[in-house]
Amino acid sequence: ELVRQGYVYHRGAASLRQRASNAVALVINDLSNPFFAEFAGGVDAALAEAGYVMLLGSSGESPERQLAVLGSLLEHDPAAVILSPAEHSDPARLQRLVGARTPVLVFNRALDEGAGAGWDFLALDNRRGARLATEHLLAQGHRAIAFFGGHRDSSSCGERRAGYHDALAAAGIAPDPAWLVECAPTRLEAARQAGALFAR
């Protein structure tokens, strides 16, 4: 019957059906932040070298958008997911959406304790990094050191601010509250805030 209908066995198509997906989904929380744009570029290069392609989505720090984007990317049945969670993510909803079959790497921002059981977590040592940067400036003889960070509720920003305080405290310097600058994590916003800081 199959022969009469013109069926011809195609080994390449058969192997495609049997092969796991060669795509990895990357969902980041803020594409306007140059750090995440560079991170996405690095992920893409590493995946390409390993024979994978990257599916990219951005949540724009919205947990609802994150679920929609992730759900859409999961329709492509990716081999794995790399997720930098949006602020105030609901870990239980994320787990229900992704399921147990797809490996997940959580990057940059930890989910609540007990969430994402079995999911790997790649952390940045924000506190140590900010401390080292501040210590470097102190070693150059600088004492009036401003800190530019995201908004006060950002966990990453809080960790970096703590590292900045650690270094100043070790040097016996009390930071001027006017030197703690909150701004969006973009070069344009930082430039605007720098002008305002020097004007003060």
N, C-alpha and C. Protein backbone atom coordinates (compact mmCIF):
# COMPACT_ATOMS: atom_id res chain seq x y z
N GLU A 1 0.84 -1.20 0.00
CA GLU A 1 0.00 0.00 0.00
C GLU A 1 0.88 1.26 0.00
N LEU A 2 1.91 1.27 0.88
CA LEU A 2 2.80 2.43 0.95
C LEU A 2 3.55 2.63 -0.36
N VAL A 3 3.96 1.52 -0.97
CA VAL A 3 4.70 1.62 -2.23
C VAL A 3 3.79 2.20 -3.31
N ARG A 4 2.52 1.75 -3.36
CA ARG A 4 1.58 2.27 -4.36
C ARG A 4 1.37 3.77 -4.19
N GLN A 5 1.47 4.29 -2.95
CA GLN A 5 1.25 5.72 -2.71
C GLN A 5 2.52 6.54 -2.96
N GLY A 6 3.57 5.89 -3.41
CA GLY A 6 4.79 6.61 -3.74
C GLY A 6 5.73 6.81 -2.57
N TYR A 7 5.55 6.04 -1.49
CA TYR A 7 6.41 6.18 -0.31
C TYR A 7 7.81 5.71 -0.63
N VAL A 8 8.80 6.52 -0.31
CA VAL A 8 10.20 6.13 -0.44
C VAL A 8 10.87 6.37 0.91
N TYR A 9 11.52 5.35 1.43
CA TYR A 9 12.21 5.48 2.72
C TYR A 9 13.33 6.51 2.60
N HIS A 10 13.38 7.44 3.53
CA HIS A 10 14.40 8.49 3.51
C HIS A 10 15.16 8.41 4.83
N ARG A 11 16.41 7.93 4.75
CA ARG A 11 17.17 7.69 5.96
C ARG A 11 17.41 8.99 6.74
N GLY A 12 17.65 10.08 6.03
CA GLY A 12 17.89 11.36 6.72
C GLY A 12 16.68 11.82 7.50
N ALA A 13 15.50 11.68 6.89
CA ALA A 13 14.28 12.08 7.59
C ALA A 13 14.03 11.19 8.80
N ALA A 14 14.32 9.90 8.65
CA ALA A 14 14.12 8.97 9.77
C ALA A 14 15.05 9.31 10.92
N SER A 15 16.29 9.67 10.61
CA SER A 15 17.24 10.00 11.68
C SER A 15 16.82 11.31 12.35
N LEU A 16 16.24 12.22 11.59
CA LEU A 16 15.75 13.45 12.18
C LEU A 16 14.66 13.17 13.20
N ARG A 17 13.78 12.22 12.87
CA ARG A 17 12.69 11.89 13.79
C ARG A 17 13.23 11.30 15.08
N GLN A 18 14.35 10.57 14.99
CA GLN A 18 14.89 9.88 16.15
C GLN A 18 15.82 10.77 16.97
N ARG A 19 16.34 11.79 16.35
CA ARG A 19 17.36 12.61 17.01
C ARG A 19 16.72 13.60 17.97
N ALA A 20 17.39 13.84 19.08
CA ALA A 20 16.92 14.87 20.01
C ALA A 20 17.09 16.23 19.34
N SER A 21 16.33 17.21 19.81
CA SER A 21 16.39 18.56 19.25
C SER A 21 17.81 19.12 19.33
N ASN A 22 18.18 19.91 18.33
CA ASN A 22 19.50 20.55 18.37
C ASN A 22 19.36 22.03 18.78
N ALA A 23 18.20 22.37 19.36
CA ALA A 23 17.97 23.76 19.78
C ALA A 23 17.99 23.86 21.30
N VAL A 24 18.50 24.97 21.79
CA VAL A 24 18.46 25.28 23.22
C VAL A 24 17.79 26.64 23.37
N ALA A 25 16.80 26.70 24.25
CA ALA A 25 16.06 27.94 24.47
C ALA A 25 16.75 28.78 25.54
N LEU A 26 16.97 30.05 25.24
CA LEU A 26 17.52 30.99 26.20
C LEU A 26 16.47 32.07 26.45
N VAL A 27 16.05 32.22 27.71
CA VAL A 27 15.10 33.26 28.08
C VAL A 27 15.80 34.18 29.07
N ILE A 28 15.95 35.43 28.68
CA ILE A 28 16.62 36.38 29.55
C ILE A 28 15.61 37.42 30.04
N ASN A 29 15.97 38.08 31.12
CA ASN A 29 15.00 38.97 31.78
C ASN A 29 15.06 40.41 31.30
N ASP A 30 16.13 40.82 30.62
CA ASP A 30 16.22 42.22 30.21
C ASP A 30 17.18 42.37 29.04
N LEU A 31 16.62 42.34 27.83
CA LEU A 31 17.45 42.43 26.63
C LEU A 31 18.04 43.82 26.43
N SER A 32 17.45 44.83 27.09
CA SER A 32 17.98 46.19 26.96
C SER A 32 19.28 46.37 27.76
N ASN A 33 19.54 45.47 28.68
CA ASN A 33 20.76 45.52 29.48
C ASN A 33 21.91 44.94 28.65
N PRO A 34 22.96 45.73 28.38
CA PRO A 34 24.06 45.26 27.53
C PRO A 34 24.70 43.96 28.04
N PHE A 35 24.68 43.76 29.36
CA PHE A 35 25.25 42.53 29.92
C PHE A 35 24.56 41.31 29.35
N PHE A 36 23.22 41.34 29.30
CA PHE A 36 22.48 40.18 28.83
C PHE A 36 22.60 40.00 27.32
N ALA A 37 22.74 41.10 26.60
CA ALA A 37 22.95 41.00 25.16
C ALA A 37 24.29 40.30 24.89
N GLU A 38 25.32 40.66 25.67
CA GLU A 38 26.63 40.02 25.50
C GLU A 38 26.58 38.57 25.96
N PHE A 39 25.84 38.31 27.03
CA PHE A 39 25.69 36.94 27.51
C PHE A 39 25.03 36.07 26.45
N ALA A 40 23.98 36.60 25.82
CA ALA A 40 23.29 35.86 24.76
C ALA A 40 24.24 35.55 23.61
N GLY A 41 25.08 36.52 23.27
CA GLY A 41 26.07 36.30 22.20
C GLY A 41 27.04 35.18 22.57
N GLY A 42 27.47 35.15 23.83
CA GLY A 42 28.38 34.10 24.28
C GLY A 42 27.71 32.72 24.27
N VAL A 43 26.46 32.67 24.71
CA VAL A 43 25.71 31.42 24.69
C VAL A 43 25.57 30.91 23.26
N ASP A 44 25.23 31.82 22.36
CA ASP A 44 25.05 31.44 20.96
C ASP A 44 26.34 30.87 20.38
N ALA A 45 27.47 31.50 20.68
CA ALA A 45 28.76 31.03 20.16
C ALA A 45 29.11 29.65 20.73
N ALA A 46 28.87 29.46 22.03
CA ALA A 46 29.18 28.17 22.66
C ALA A 46 28.27 27.06 22.11
N LEU A 47 27.00 27.38 21.91
CA LEU A 47 26.07 26.38 21.38
C LEU A 47 26.42 26.01 19.94
N ALA A 48 26.76 27.03 19.14
CA ALA A 48 27.12 26.77 17.74
C ALA A 48 28.32 25.84 17.66
N GLU A 49 29.29 26.04 18.54
CA GLU A 49 30.48 25.20 18.55
C GLU A 49 30.13 23.75 18.88
N ALA A 50 29.07 23.57 19.68
CA ALA A 50 28.64 22.23 20.08
C ALA A 50 27.60 21.65 19.12
N GLY A 51 27.28 22.39 18.05
CA GLY A 51 26.34 21.88 17.07
C GLY A 51 24.88 22.17 17.38
N TYR A 52 24.63 23.15 18.23
CA TYR A 52 23.26 23.52 18.59
C TYR A 52 22.93 24.91 18.06
N VAL A 53 21.64 25.19 17.98
CA VAL A 53 21.20 26.54 17.65
C VAL A 53 20.46 27.11 18.87
N MET A 54 20.43 28.42 18.96
CA MET A 54 19.81 29.08 20.10
C MET A 54 18.46 29.66 19.72
N LEU A 55 17.46 29.42 20.56
CA LEU A 55 16.16 30.07 20.45
C LEU A 55 16.12 31.12 21.55
N LEU A 56 15.94 32.39 21.19
CA LEU A 56 16.05 33.47 22.17
C LEU A 56 14.71 34.11 22.47
N GLY A 57 14.46 34.35 23.74
CA GLY A 57 13.27 35.08 24.17
C GLY A 57 13.62 35.99 25.32
N SER A 58 12.85 37.07 25.48
CA SER A 58 13.09 38.02 26.57
C SER A 58 11.79 38.28 27.32
N SER A 59 11.87 38.26 28.64
CA SER A 59 10.68 38.46 29.46
C SER A 59 10.43 39.92 29.81
N GLY A 60 11.45 40.78 29.65
CA GLY A 60 11.29 42.18 30.02
C GLY A 60 10.91 42.35 31.48
N GLU A 61 11.42 41.46 32.34
CA GLU A 61 11.18 41.47 33.80
C GLU A 61 9.70 41.24 34.15
N SER A 62 8.93 40.67 33.24
CA SER A 62 7.53 40.38 33.51
C SER A 62 7.33 38.87 33.68
N PRO A 63 6.90 38.41 34.87
CA PRO A 63 6.68 36.98 35.05
C PRO A 63 5.63 36.41 34.09
N GLU A 64 4.61 37.19 33.77
CA GLU A 64 3.58 36.71 32.85
C GLU A 64 4.14 36.58 31.43
N ARG A 65 4.89 37.58 31.01
CA ARG A 65 5.52 37.52 29.69
C ARG A 65 6.50 36.35 29.64
N GLN A 66 7.20 36.12 30.73
CA GLN A 66 8.15 35.02 30.80
C GLN A 66 7.46 33.68 30.53
N LEU A 67 6.30 33.46 31.14
CA LEU A 67 5.57 32.22 30.93
C LEU A 67 5.12 32.09 29.47
N ALA A 68 4.67 33.20 28.88
CA ALA A 68 4.23 33.17 27.49
C ALA A 68 5.40 32.86 26.55
N VAL A 69 6.53 33.53 26.77
CA VAL A 69 7.71 33.33 25.92
C VAL A 69 8.23 31.90 26.08
N LEU A 70 8.34 31.46 27.31
CA LEU A 70 8.85 30.12 27.57
C LEU A 70 7.93 29.06 26.96
N GLY A 71 6.61 29.27 27.12
CA GLY A 71 5.66 28.33 26.54
C GLY A 71 5.79 28.23 25.04
N SER A 72 6.01 29.38 24.39
CA SER A 72 6.17 29.40 22.94
C SER A 72 7.45 28.67 22.52
N LEU A 73 8.53 28.91 23.25
CA LEU A 73 9.80 28.27 22.91
C LEU A 73 9.75 26.76 23.16
N LEU A 74 9.01 26.35 24.19
CA LEU A 74 8.90 24.93 24.51
C LEU A 74 8.15 24.16 23.42
N GLU A 75 7.34 24.86 22.63
CA GLU A 75 6.64 24.20 21.52
C GLU A 75 7.62 23.64 20.50
N HIS A 76 8.85 24.18 20.50
CA HIS A 76 9.89 23.69 19.59
C HIS A 76 10.64 22.50 20.19
N ASP A 77 10.22 22.06 21.37
CA ASP A 77 10.81 20.91 22.05
C ASP A 77 12.33 21.03 22.14
N PRO A 78 12.83 22.10 22.79
CA PRO A 78 14.29 22.29 22.86
C PRO A 78 14.96 21.21 23.69
N ALA A 79 16.24 21.00 23.43
CA ALA A 79 17.02 20.02 24.18
C ALA A 79 17.20 20.47 25.63
N ALA A 80 17.20 21.77 25.85
CA ALA A 80 17.39 22.31 27.20
C ALA A 80 16.92 23.76 27.21
N VAL A 81 16.80 24.30 28.43
CA VAL A 81 16.41 25.70 28.62
C VAL A 81 17.43 26.38 29.53
N ILE A 82 17.85 27.57 29.14
CA ILE A 82 18.66 28.44 30.02
C ILE A 82 17.76 29.61 30.37
N LEU A 83 17.56 29.82 31.66
CA LEU A 83 16.60 30.83 32.11
C LEU A 83 17.22 31.79 33.11
N SER A 84 17.20 33.07 32.76
CA SER A 84 17.52 34.12 33.73
C SER A 84 16.17 34.68 34.19
N PRO A 85 15.71 34.30 35.38
CA PRO A 85 14.32 34.56 35.76
C PRO A 85 13.99 36.04 35.89
N ALA A 86 12.76 36.37 35.52
CA ALA A 86 12.23 37.71 35.76
C ALA A 86 12.05 37.90 37.26
N GLU A 87 12.08 39.14 37.68
CA GLU A 87 11.83 39.42 39.10
C GLU A 87 10.44 38.94 39.48
N HIS A 88 10.31 38.42 40.69
CA HIS A 88 9.04 37.96 41.24
C HIS A 88 8.47 36.78 40.44
N SER A 89 9.38 35.95 39.88
CA SER A 89 8.93 34.74 39.17
C SER A 89 8.25 33.80 40.15
N ASP A 90 7.28 33.05 39.63
CA ASP A 90 6.61 32.02 40.42
C ASP A 90 7.25 30.67 40.06
N PRO A 91 8.13 30.15 40.93
CA PRO A 91 8.86 28.92 40.59
C PRO A 91 7.95 27.73 40.32
N ALA A 92 6.86 27.61 41.07
CA ALA A 92 5.95 26.47 40.88
C ALA A 92 5.33 26.50 39.49
N ARG A 93 4.94 27.69 39.02
CA ARG A 93 4.35 27.80 37.68
C ARG A 93 5.39 27.48 36.61
N LEU A 94 6.62 27.91 36.83
CA LEU A 94 7.69 27.62 35.88
C LEU A 94 7.92 26.11 35.79
N GLN A 95 7.95 25.45 36.95
CA GLN A 95 8.17 24.00 36.95
C GLN A 95 7.04 23.26 36.25
N ARG A 96 5.81 23.70 36.50
CA ARG A 96 4.67 23.04 35.84
C ARG A 96 4.74 23.22 34.32
N LEU A 97 5.16 24.41 33.89
CA LEU A 97 5.22 24.69 32.45
C LEU A 97 6.32 23.88 31.77
N VAL A 98 7.50 23.86 32.37
CA VAL A 98 8.65 23.18 31.75
C VAL A 98 8.53 21.67 31.87
N GLY A 99 8.03 21.20 33.01
CA GLY A 99 7.94 19.76 33.23
C GLY A 99 9.27 19.17 33.66
N ALA A 100 9.28 17.88 33.83
CA ALA A 100 10.47 17.21 34.36
C ALA A 100 11.42 16.72 33.27
N ARG A 101 10.96 16.71 32.01
CA ARG A 101 11.74 16.09 30.94
C ARG A 101 12.84 17.00 30.39
N THR A 102 12.62 18.31 30.42
CA THR A 102 13.57 19.25 29.82
C THR A 102 14.57 19.76 30.85
N PRO A 103 15.88 19.58 30.60
CA PRO A 103 16.88 20.11 31.54
C PRO A 103 16.85 21.65 31.55
N VAL A 104 17.01 22.23 32.72
CA VAL A 104 16.97 23.69 32.88
C VAL A 104 18.21 24.15 33.63
N LEU A 105 18.83 25.21 33.12
CA LEU A 105 19.89 25.90 33.84
C LEU A 105 19.37 27.28 34.21
N VAL A 106 19.27 27.55 35.49
CA VAL A 106 18.85 28.87 35.97
C VAL A 106 20.11 29.71 36.11
N PHE A 107 20.07 30.90 35.53
CA PHE A 107 21.25 31.76 35.48
C PHE A 107 20.95 33.11 36.12
N ASN A 108 21.91 33.65 36.81
CA ASN A 108 21.92 35.04 37.30
C ASN A 108 21.08 35.29 38.54
N ARG A 109 19.87 34.80 38.59
CA ARG A 109 18.98 35.12 39.71
C ARG A 109 18.37 33.82 40.23
N ALA A 110 18.62 33.51 41.48
CA ALA A 110 18.12 32.26 42.06
C ALA A 110 16.61 32.31 42.23
N LEU A 111 15.98 31.16 42.07
CA LEU A 111 14.58 31.04 42.39
C LEU A 111 14.45 30.77 43.89
N ASP A 112 13.25 30.87 44.42
CA ASP A 112 13.04 30.69 45.85
C ASP A 112 13.56 29.34 46.32
N GLU A 113 13.93 29.31 47.59
CA GLU A 113 14.43 28.08 48.20
C GLU A 113 13.46 26.92 47.96
N GLY A 114 13.99 25.79 47.55
CA GLY A 114 13.15 24.62 47.34
C GLY A 114 12.54 24.56 45.94
N ALA A 115 12.64 25.65 45.19
CA ALA A 115 12.05 25.66 43.84
C ALA A 115 13.07 25.14 42.84
N GLY A 116 12.56 24.71 41.70
CA GLY A 116 13.46 24.25 40.64
C GLY A 116 14.28 23.06 41.06
N ALA A 117 13.65 22.13 41.79
CA ALA A 117 14.38 20.95 42.26
C ALA A 117 15.01 20.24 41.07
N GLY A 118 16.30 19.99 41.16
CA GLY A 118 17.01 19.32 40.08
C GLY A 118 17.51 20.26 39.01
N TRP A 119 17.16 21.53 39.08
CA TRP A 119 17.65 22.49 38.10
C TRP A 119 19.00 23.02 38.55
N ASP A 120 19.93 23.08 37.61
CA ASP A 120 21.25 23.64 37.93
C ASP A 120 21.14 25.16 38.03
N PHE A 121 22.05 25.75 38.80
CA PHE A 121 22.05 27.20 38.98
C PHE A 121 23.46 27.73 38.75
N LEU A 122 23.58 28.67 37.83
CA LEU A 122 24.85 29.33 37.55
C LEU A 122 24.78 30.73 38.14
N ALA A 123 25.58 30.95 39.19
CA ALA A 123 25.50 32.22 39.92
C ALA A 123 26.66 33.13 39.57
N LEU A 124 26.42 34.40 39.70
CA LEU A 124 27.48 35.41 39.61
C LEU A 124 27.81 35.83 41.03
N ASP A 125 29.09 35.99 41.33
CA ASP A 125 29.47 36.46 42.67
C ASP A 125 29.47 37.99 42.64
N ASN A 126 28.26 38.54 42.63
CA ASN A 126 28.09 40.00 42.50
C ASN A 126 28.78 40.76 43.63
N ARG A 127 28.64 40.25 44.84
CA ARG A 127 29.20 40.96 45.99
C ARG A 127 30.73 41.04 45.91
N ARG A 128 31.35 39.90 45.60
CA ARG A 128 32.81 39.88 45.50
C ARG A 128 33.29 40.74 44.33
N GLY A 129 32.58 40.67 43.21
CA GLY A 129 32.98 41.45 42.05
C GLY A 129 32.96 42.94 42.33
N ALA A 130 31.90 43.42 42.98
CA ALA A 130 31.81 44.85 43.30
C ALA A 130 32.86 45.24 44.34
N ARG A 131 33.12 44.32 45.27
CA ARG A 131 34.15 44.63 46.27
C ARG A 131 35.52 44.76 45.61
N LEU A 132 35.84 43.83 44.70
CA LEU A 132 37.13 43.89 44.01
C LEU A 132 37.26 45.16 43.18
N ALA A 133 36.19 45.55 42.50
CA ALA A 133 36.23 46.77 41.69
C ALA A 133 36.46 47.99 42.58
N THR A 134 35.77 48.04 43.72
CA THR A 134 35.92 49.17 44.64
C THR A 134 37.32 49.19 45.25
N GLU A 135 37.81 48.00 45.61
CA GLU A 135 39.18 47.92 46.18
C GLU A 135 40.21 48.39 45.16
N HIS A 136 39.98 48.08 43.89
CA HIS A 136 40.90 48.53 42.84
C HIS A 136 40.96 50.06 42.80
N LEU A 137 39.79 50.71 42.87
CA LEU A 137 39.77 52.17 42.85
C LEU A 137 40.40 52.75 44.11
N LEU A 138 40.15 52.11 45.24
CA LEU A 138 40.77 52.57 46.50
C LEU A 138 42.29 52.46 46.41
N ALA A 139 42.79 51.38 45.79
CA ALA A 139 44.24 51.19 45.65
C ALA A 139 44.86 52.24 44.74
N GLN A 140 44.05 52.84 43.87
CA GLN A 140 44.54 53.92 43.00
C GLN A 140 44.54 55.27 43.73
N GLY A 141 44.07 55.26 44.98
CA GLY A 141 44.07 56.48 45.78
C GLY A 141 42.74 57.22 45.79
N HIS A 142 41.73 56.68 45.13
CA HIS A 142 40.42 57.34 45.10
C HIS A 142 39.66 57.11 46.40
N ARG A 143 38.92 58.12 46.83
CA ARG A 143 38.14 58.00 48.06
C ARG A 143 36.66 58.32 47.83
N ALA A 144 36.38 59.21 46.93
CA ALA A 144 34.97 59.56 46.64
C ALA A 144 34.51 58.68 45.48
N ILE A 145 33.97 57.52 45.79
CA ILE A 145 33.62 56.53 44.77
C ILE A 145 32.10 56.37 44.74
N ALA A 146 31.51 56.64 43.59
CA ALA A 146 30.06 56.51 43.44
C ALA A 146 29.72 55.09 43.00
N PHE A 147 28.53 54.66 43.35
CA PHE A 147 28.04 53.35 42.96
C PHE A 147 26.81 53.51 42.08
N PHE A 148 26.89 53.01 40.85
CA PHE A 148 25.76 53.02 39.93
C PHE A 148 25.16 51.62 39.92
N GLY A 149 23.88 51.51 40.19
CA GLY A 149 23.24 50.21 40.16
C GLY A 149 21.82 50.32 39.68
N GLY A 150 21.18 49.18 39.61
CA GLY A 150 19.77 49.14 39.22
C GLY A 150 18.90 49.63 40.36
N HIS A 151 17.63 49.30 40.31
CA HIS A 151 16.74 49.79 41.35
C HIS A 151 16.97 49.03 42.66
N ARG A 152 16.54 49.62 43.74
CA ARG A 152 16.85 49.13 45.09
C ARG A 152 16.34 47.71 45.36
N ASP A 153 15.27 47.29 44.67
CA ASP A 153 14.71 45.96 44.92
C ASP A 153 15.44 44.85 44.17
N SER A 154 16.33 45.21 43.27
CA SER A 154 17.04 44.21 42.48
C SER A 154 18.00 43.42 43.37
N SER A 155 17.89 42.08 43.34
CA SER A 155 18.75 41.25 44.17
C SER A 155 20.22 41.39 43.74
N SER A 156 20.47 41.42 42.43
CA SER A 156 21.84 41.57 41.95
C SER A 156 22.43 42.90 42.39
N CYS A 157 21.63 43.95 42.27
CA CYS A 157 22.09 45.27 42.67
C CYS A 157 22.37 45.31 44.16
N GLY A 158 21.52 44.68 44.95
CA GLY A 158 21.73 44.64 46.40
C GLY A 158 23.03 43.95 46.76
N GLU A 159 23.35 42.86 46.06
CA GLU A 159 24.60 42.15 46.31
C GLU A 159 25.80 43.02 45.95
N ARG A 160 25.72 43.70 44.82
CA ARG A 160 26.83 44.56 44.40
C ARG A 160 27.01 45.74 45.35
N ARG A 161 25.89 46.30 45.78
CA ARG A 161 25.95 47.41 46.72
C ARG A 161 26.63 46.97 48.02
N ALA A 162 26.34 45.74 48.45
CA ALA A 162 26.95 45.21 49.68
C ALA A 162 28.46 45.07 49.50
N GLY A 163 28.92 44.62 48.34
CA GLY A 163 30.35 44.51 48.08
C GLY A 163 31.04 45.86 48.08
N TYR A 164 30.38 46.84 47.52
CA TYR A 164 30.87 48.23 47.52
C TYR A 164 31.02 48.72 48.96
N HIS A 165 29.99 48.49 49.78
CA HIS A 165 30.05 48.88 51.20
C HIS A 165 31.15 48.14 51.95
N ASP A 166 31.31 46.85 51.64
CA ASP A 166 32.36 46.05 52.30
C ASP A 166 33.73 46.68 52.10
N ALA A 167 34.02 47.04 50.85
CA ALA A 167 35.35 47.59 50.54
C ALA A 167 35.55 48.95 51.19
N LEU A 168 34.52 49.81 51.14
CA LEU A 168 34.65 51.13 51.77
C LEU A 168 34.80 51.00 53.28
N ALA A 169 34.03 50.10 53.90
CA ALA A 169 34.11 49.92 55.35
C ALA A 169 35.50 49.44 55.76
N ALA A 170 36.08 48.52 54.97
CA ALA A 170 37.42 48.02 55.28
C ALA A 170 38.46 49.12 55.18
N ALA A 171 38.17 50.12 54.34
CA ALA A 171 39.10 51.26 54.19
C ALA A 171 38.76 52.40 55.16
N GLY A 172 37.74 52.20 56.00
CA GLY A 172 37.34 53.21 56.97
C GLY A 172 36.62 54.40 56.34
N ILE A 173 35.92 54.17 55.25
CA ILE A 173 35.23 55.25 54.55
C ILE A 173 33.72 55.03 54.66
N ALA A 174 33.02 56.07 55.09
CA ALA A 174 31.56 56.02 55.12
C ALA A 174 31.05 56.56 53.80
N PRO A 175 30.27 55.77 53.05
CA PRO A 175 29.82 56.24 51.74
C PRO A 175 28.79 57.37 51.87
N ASP A 176 28.91 58.33 51.02
CA ASP A 176 27.94 59.43 50.95
C ASP A 176 26.68 58.88 50.27
N PRO A 177 25.50 59.01 50.89
CA PRO A 177 24.27 58.51 50.25
C PRO A 177 24.05 59.09 48.85
N ALA A 178 24.57 60.29 48.60
CA ALA A 178 24.40 60.91 47.28
C ALA A 178 25.21 60.17 46.21
N TRP A 179 26.16 59.33 46.64
CA TRP A 179 26.97 58.59 45.68
C TRP A 179 26.32 57.26 45.27
N LEU A 180 25.23 56.91 45.91
CA LEU A 180 24.51 55.68 45.55
C LEU A 180 23.45 56.04 44.51
N VAL A 181 23.74 55.74 43.27
CA VAL A 181 22.89 56.19 42.17
C VAL A 181 22.07 55.01 41.65
N GLU A 182 20.75 55.16 41.65
CA GLU A 182 19.88 54.15 41.07
C GLU A 182 19.57 54.54 39.62
N CYS A 183 19.71 53.59 38.71
CA CYS A 183 19.38 53.88 37.32
C CYS A 183 19.14 52.58 36.57
N ALA A 184 18.48 52.69 35.44
CA ALA A 184 18.28 51.53 34.58
C ALA A 184 19.64 51.05 34.09
N PRO A 185 19.82 49.74 33.90
CA PRO A 185 21.13 49.21 33.51
C PRO A 185 21.43 49.36 32.02
N THR A 186 21.41 50.61 31.56
CA THR A 186 21.78 50.88 30.17
C THR A 186 22.82 51.98 30.14
N ARG A 187 23.59 52.00 29.07
CA ARG A 187 24.65 53.02 28.97
C ARG A 187 24.06 54.43 28.90
N LEU A 188 22.95 54.59 28.18
CA LEU A 188 22.34 55.92 28.04
C LEU A 188 21.86 56.46 29.38
N GLU A 189 21.19 55.59 30.16
CA GLU A 189 20.69 56.04 31.46
C GLU A 189 21.85 56.33 32.41
N ALA A 190 22.89 55.52 32.35
CA ALA A 190 24.07 55.77 33.19
C ALA A 190 24.71 57.11 32.83
N ALA A 191 24.78 57.42 31.55
CA ALA A 191 25.35 58.70 31.13
C ALA A 191 24.53 59.88 31.65
N ARG A 192 23.21 59.74 31.58
CA ARG A 192 22.34 60.81 32.11
C ARG A 192 22.54 60.99 33.61
N GLN A 193 22.60 59.87 34.32
CA GLN A 193 22.75 59.94 35.77
C GLN A 193 24.14 60.47 36.16
N ALA A 194 25.16 60.16 35.35
CA ALA A 194 26.52 60.65 35.65
C ALA A 194 26.55 62.17 35.55
N GLY A 195 25.88 62.71 34.53
CA GLY A 195 25.81 64.17 34.39
C GLY A 195 25.15 64.80 35.61
N ALA A 196 24.06 64.19 36.07
CA ALA A 196 23.35 64.71 37.23
C ALA A 196 24.21 64.59 38.49
N LEU A 197 24.96 63.50 38.61
CA LEU A 197 25.84 63.31 39.78
C LEU A 197 26.89 64.40 39.84
N PHE A 198 27.53 64.69 38.71
CA PHE A 198 28.59 65.72 38.71
C PHE A 198 28.00 67.11 38.89
N ALA A 199 26.79 67.30 38.45
CA ALA A 199 26.13 68.60 38.66
C ALA A 199 25.90 68.85 40.15
N ARG A 200 25.63 67.74 40.89
CA ARG A 200 25.43 67.88 42.33
C ARG A 200 26.74 68.14 43.05
